[in-house]
Amino acid sequence: MKTYEGKRTIDGLQVTVDGAPLSEHYEVKRYTTYGFEWTYEGDSPKQLALAILVDHLGDQQKAITLADPFMKSVVANLNNDWTLTSAEIDAAIK
């Protein structure tokens, strides 16, 4: 099971998967050029949703399809510092 974490630090935003930086996955689809964000609905939170789903699902097309609803139901509602497990992601996309 993977663990995804996001933190707001003095050096900016950090998003990791199992402690390693999470790729923005711009090669799959680019919603923004500004990187990740969360706590609201928009292009940067949608990029985070896509990146989490690409990594979690391993299916680029399914991740693109689910990115907007996952952004609205999960990413937009994350706290400043957050943790998501694979089980929580699976529950959210069912």
N, C-alpha and C. Protein backbone atom coordinates (compact mmCIF):
# COMPACT_ATOMS: atom_id res chain seq x y z
N MET A 1 0.84 -1.18 0.00
CA MET A 1 0.00 0.00 0.00
C MET A 1 0.89 1.24 0.00
N LYS A 2 0.57 2.18 -0.87
CA LYS A 2 1.33 3.42 -0.96
C LYS A 2 0.71 4.50 -0.08
N THR A 3 1.56 5.44 0.31
CA THR A 3 1.10 6.60 1.09
C THR A 3 1.55 7.86 0.38
N TYR A 4 0.59 8.72 0.12
CA TYR A 4 0.83 10.01 -0.53
C TYR A 4 0.72 11.08 0.54
N GLU A 5 1.66 12.04 0.52
CA GLU A 5 1.66 13.11 1.52
C GLU A 5 1.91 14.45 0.85
N GLY A 6 1.22 15.46 1.34
CA GLY A 6 1.43 16.83 0.89
C GLY A 6 1.66 17.74 2.08
N LYS A 7 2.61 18.66 1.92
CA LYS A 7 2.93 19.60 3.00
C LYS A 7 3.23 20.97 2.42
N ARG A 8 2.83 21.98 3.15
CA ARG A 8 3.20 23.36 2.83
C ARG A 8 4.38 23.70 3.73
N THR A 9 5.52 24.02 3.13
CA THR A 9 6.72 24.34 3.91
C THR A 9 7.19 25.74 3.55
N ILE A 10 8.18 26.20 4.26
CA ILE A 10 8.76 27.52 3.97
C ILE A 10 9.38 27.54 2.57
N ASP A 11 9.76 26.37 2.06
CA ASP A 11 10.35 26.26 0.73
C ASP A 11 9.32 25.98 -0.36
N GLY A 12 8.04 25.94 -0.01
CA GLY A 12 6.98 25.69 -0.98
C GLY A 12 6.26 24.38 -0.70
N LEU A 13 5.53 23.94 -1.70
CA LEU A 13 4.74 22.72 -1.56
C LEU A 13 5.59 21.49 -1.82
N GLN A 14 5.35 20.45 -1.03
CA GLN A 14 6.02 19.17 -1.23
C GLN A 14 4.97 18.08 -1.28
N VAL A 15 5.03 17.27 -2.34
CA VAL A 15 4.13 16.12 -2.46
C VAL A 15 4.99 14.89 -2.71
N THR A 16 4.78 13.86 -1.89
CA THR A 16 5.58 12.65 -1.99
C THR A 16 4.68 11.42 -2.06
N VAL A 17 5.25 10.34 -2.59
CA VAL A 17 4.64 9.02 -2.53
C VAL A 17 5.68 8.10 -1.91
N ASP A 18 5.33 7.55 -0.78
CA ASP A 18 6.25 6.71 0.00
C ASP A 18 7.59 7.41 0.22
N GLY A 19 7.53 8.71 0.46
CA GLY A 19 8.72 9.49 0.79
C GLY A 19 9.49 10.06 -0.39
N ALA A 20 9.17 9.65 -1.61
CA ALA A 20 9.85 10.14 -2.82
C ALA A 20 8.97 11.19 -3.50
N PRO A 21 9.57 12.19 -4.15
CA PRO A 21 8.76 13.21 -4.84
C PRO A 21 7.82 12.59 -5.87
N LEU A 22 6.58 13.08 -5.89
CA LEU A 22 5.58 12.63 -6.86
C LEU A 22 5.72 13.45 -8.13
N SER A 23 5.83 12.76 -9.26
CA SER A 23 5.93 13.44 -10.56
C SER A 23 4.61 14.11 -10.90
N GLU A 24 4.68 15.27 -11.57
CA GLU A 24 3.48 15.96 -12.02
C GLU A 24 2.79 15.22 -13.16
N HIS A 25 3.49 14.33 -13.81
CA HIS A 25 2.98 13.56 -14.95
C HIS A 25 2.44 14.46 -16.06
N TYR A 26 3.22 15.51 -16.38
CA TYR A 26 2.86 16.39 -17.49
C TYR A 26 2.84 15.65 -18.82
N GLU A 27 3.60 14.55 -18.89
CA GLU A 27 3.63 13.78 -20.13
C GLU A 27 2.29 13.09 -20.41
N VAL A 28 1.48 12.91 -19.38
CA VAL A 28 0.16 12.29 -19.55
C VAL A 28 -0.85 13.35 -19.98
N LYS A 29 -0.92 14.44 -19.21
CA LYS A 29 -1.80 15.56 -19.55
C LYS A 29 -1.36 16.76 -18.70
N ARG A 30 -1.34 17.92 -19.33
CA ARG A 30 -0.93 19.14 -18.63
C ARG A 30 -2.15 20.04 -18.45
N TYR A 31 -2.55 20.20 -17.20
CA TYR A 31 -3.65 21.12 -16.87
C TYR A 31 -3.11 22.49 -16.48
N THR A 32 -1.85 22.54 -16.04
CA THR A 32 -1.25 23.77 -15.53
C THR A 32 0.25 23.73 -15.73
N THR A 33 0.88 24.87 -15.66
CA THR A 33 2.35 24.93 -15.66
C THR A 33 2.87 25.35 -14.29
N TYR A 34 1.97 25.47 -13.34
CA TYR A 34 2.32 25.97 -12.01
C TYR A 34 2.49 24.89 -10.95
N GLY A 35 2.48 23.61 -11.34
CA GLY A 35 2.69 22.54 -10.37
C GLY A 35 1.42 22.20 -9.60
N PHE A 36 1.62 21.61 -8.44
CA PHE A 36 0.52 21.12 -7.63
C PHE A 36 -0.07 22.20 -6.73
N GLU A 37 -1.32 22.00 -6.37
CA GLU A 37 -2.01 22.77 -5.34
C GLU A 37 -3.14 21.89 -4.81
N TRP A 38 -3.74 22.32 -3.71
CA TRP A 38 -4.90 21.63 -3.14
C TRP A 38 -5.67 22.62 -2.28
N THR A 39 -6.76 22.21 -1.72
CA THR A 39 -7.70 22.97 -0.87
C THR A 39 -8.71 23.80 -1.66
N TYR A 40 -8.71 23.71 -2.97
CA TYR A 40 -9.71 24.39 -3.80
C TYR A 40 -9.82 23.65 -5.13
N GLU A 41 -10.83 24.01 -5.93
CA GLU A 41 -11.00 23.42 -7.26
C GLU A 41 -10.31 24.31 -8.29
N GLY A 42 -9.50 23.69 -9.15
CA GLY A 42 -8.80 24.45 -10.18
C GLY A 42 -7.82 23.58 -10.93
N ASP A 43 -7.05 24.21 -11.81
CA ASP A 43 -6.13 23.48 -12.67
C ASP A 43 -4.98 22.82 -11.91
N SER A 44 -4.37 23.53 -10.97
CA SER A 44 -3.25 22.94 -10.21
C SER A 44 -3.72 21.80 -9.30
N PRO A 45 -4.87 21.92 -8.62
CA PRO A 45 -5.38 20.75 -7.89
C PRO A 45 -5.73 19.58 -8.82
N LYS A 46 -6.20 19.88 -10.03
CA LYS A 46 -6.51 18.82 -10.99
C LYS A 46 -5.23 18.11 -11.43
N GLN A 47 -4.12 18.86 -11.55
CA GLN A 47 -2.83 18.23 -11.88
C GLN A 47 -2.40 17.28 -10.77
N LEU A 48 -2.62 17.68 -9.52
CA LEU A 48 -2.30 16.80 -8.40
C LEU A 48 -3.18 15.56 -8.43
N ALA A 49 -4.46 15.73 -8.69
CA ALA A 49 -5.37 14.58 -8.77
C ALA A 49 -4.90 13.62 -9.85
N LEU A 50 -4.57 14.14 -11.00
CA LEU A 50 -4.09 13.31 -12.10
C LEU A 50 -2.82 12.55 -11.70
N ALA A 51 -1.86 13.26 -11.11
CA ALA A 51 -0.58 12.64 -10.74
C ALA A 51 -0.78 11.52 -9.74
N ILE A 52 -1.62 11.75 -8.74
CA ILE A 52 -1.89 10.70 -7.75
C ILE A 52 -2.53 9.50 -8.43
N LEU A 53 -3.50 9.75 -9.28
CA LEU A 53 -4.22 8.65 -9.93
C LEU A 53 -3.36 7.89 -10.93
N VAL A 54 -2.51 8.59 -11.68
CA VAL A 54 -1.59 7.89 -12.60
C VAL A 54 -0.68 6.97 -11.81
N ASP A 55 -0.12 7.48 -10.73
CA ASP A 55 0.78 6.67 -9.91
C ASP A 55 0.03 5.51 -9.26
N HIS A 56 -1.14 5.79 -8.73
CA HIS A 56 -1.90 4.78 -8.00
C HIS A 56 -2.48 3.71 -8.92
N LEU A 57 -3.09 4.12 -10.02
CA LEU A 57 -3.79 3.18 -10.90
C LEU A 57 -2.88 2.51 -11.92
N GLY A 58 -1.84 3.23 -12.37
CA GLY A 58 -1.00 2.72 -13.44
C GLY A 58 -1.72 2.69 -14.78
N ASP A 59 -2.81 3.44 -14.89
CA ASP A 59 -3.63 3.48 -16.10
C ASP A 59 -3.87 4.95 -16.45
N GLN A 60 -3.14 5.44 -17.45
CA GLN A 60 -3.19 6.87 -17.78
C GLN A 60 -4.58 7.33 -18.21
N GLN A 61 -5.25 6.56 -19.05
CA GLN A 61 -6.56 6.98 -19.54
C GLN A 61 -7.60 7.01 -18.42
N LYS A 62 -7.58 6.02 -17.56
CA LYS A 62 -8.50 6.00 -16.42
C LYS A 62 -8.22 7.17 -15.48
N ALA A 63 -6.94 7.49 -15.29
CA ALA A 63 -6.55 8.61 -14.44
C ALA A 63 -7.07 9.93 -15.01
N ILE A 64 -6.98 10.12 -16.32
CA ILE A 64 -7.49 11.33 -16.96
C ILE A 64 -9.00 11.43 -16.75
N THR A 65 -9.70 10.33 -16.94
CA THR A 65 -11.16 10.30 -16.78
C THR A 65 -11.57 10.64 -15.35
N LEU A 66 -10.83 10.13 -14.37
CA LEU A 66 -11.20 10.31 -12.96
C LEU A 66 -10.61 11.58 -12.33
N ALA A 67 -9.70 12.26 -13.02
CA ALA A 67 -9.00 13.40 -12.40
C ALA A 67 -9.94 14.49 -11.92
N ASP A 68 -10.91 14.89 -12.74
CA ASP A 68 -11.80 15.99 -12.34
C ASP A 68 -12.69 15.61 -11.15
N PRO A 69 -13.39 14.47 -11.19
CA PRO A 69 -14.19 14.14 -10.01
C PRO A 69 -13.36 13.89 -8.75
N PHE A 70 -12.16 13.31 -8.91
CA PHE A 70 -11.28 13.08 -7.75
C PHE A 70 -10.79 14.40 -7.19
N MET A 71 -10.46 15.34 -8.07
CA MET A 71 -10.05 16.68 -7.62
C MET A 71 -11.17 17.32 -6.81
N LYS A 72 -12.39 17.27 -7.31
CA LYS A 72 -13.52 17.93 -6.64
C LYS A 72 -13.89 17.27 -5.32
N SER A 73 -13.86 15.95 -5.27
CA SER A 73 -14.30 15.25 -4.06
C SER A 73 -13.20 15.06 -3.02
N VAL A 74 -11.93 15.02 -3.46
CA VAL A 74 -10.85 14.72 -2.52
C VAL A 74 -9.84 15.87 -2.43
N VAL A 75 -9.18 16.19 -3.52
CA VAL A 75 -8.07 17.15 -3.50
C VAL A 75 -8.52 18.54 -3.04
N ALA A 76 -9.68 18.98 -3.49
CA ALA A 76 -10.17 20.30 -3.10
C ALA A 76 -10.48 20.39 -1.61
N ASN A 77 -10.65 19.25 -0.97
CA ASN A 77 -11.01 19.21 0.44
C ASN A 77 -9.87 18.82 1.37
N LEU A 78 -8.66 18.69 0.84
CA LEU A 78 -7.50 18.35 1.67
C LEU A 78 -7.11 19.53 2.55
N ASN A 79 -6.53 19.22 3.70
CA ASN A 79 -5.98 20.25 4.59
C ASN A 79 -4.63 20.72 4.06
N ASN A 80 -4.05 21.72 4.69
CA ASN A 80 -2.74 22.22 4.27
C ASN A 80 -1.70 21.11 4.26
N ASP A 81 -1.68 20.27 5.27
CA ASP A 81 -0.83 19.08 5.33
C ASP A 81 -1.75 17.88 5.34
N TRP A 82 -1.47 16.89 4.49
CA TRP A 82 -2.40 15.77 4.34
C TRP A 82 -1.66 14.48 4.04
N THR A 83 -2.37 13.38 4.23
CA THR A 83 -1.90 12.04 3.90
C THR A 83 -3.07 11.27 3.28
N LEU A 84 -2.80 10.58 2.19
CA LEU A 84 -3.78 9.69 1.55
C LEU A 84 -3.13 8.33 1.35
N THR A 85 -3.85 7.29 1.72
CA THR A 85 -3.36 5.93 1.49
C THR A 85 -4.01 5.36 0.24
N SER A 86 -3.44 4.30 -0.27
CA SER A 86 -4.03 3.60 -1.42
C SER A 86 -5.47 3.19 -1.13
N ALA A 87 -5.73 2.72 0.07
CA ALA A 87 -7.09 2.29 0.44
C ALA A 87 -8.06 3.48 0.39
N GLU A 88 -7.64 4.64 0.87
CA GLU A 88 -8.50 5.83 0.84
C GLU A 88 -8.78 6.28 -0.60
N ILE A 89 -7.77 6.18 -1.45
CA ILE A 89 -7.95 6.54 -2.87
C ILE A 89 -8.93 5.57 -3.52
N ASP A 90 -8.75 4.27 -3.27
CA ASP A 90 -9.67 3.28 -3.84
C ASP A 90 -11.10 3.54 -3.39
N ALA A 91 -11.30 3.87 -2.14
CA ALA A 91 -12.65 4.16 -1.62
C ALA A 91 -13.24 5.39 -2.29
N ALA A 92 -12.41 6.39 -2.55
CA ALA A 92 -12.89 7.64 -3.14
C ALA A 92 -13.28 7.50 -4.61
N ILE A 93 -12.65 6.58 -5.32
CA ILE A 93 -12.93 6.47 -6.77
C ILE A 93 -13.94 5.38 -7.08
N LYS A 94 -14.45 4.71 -6.09
CA LYS A 94 -15.47 3.67 -6.34
C LYS A 94 -16.83 4.29 -6.53
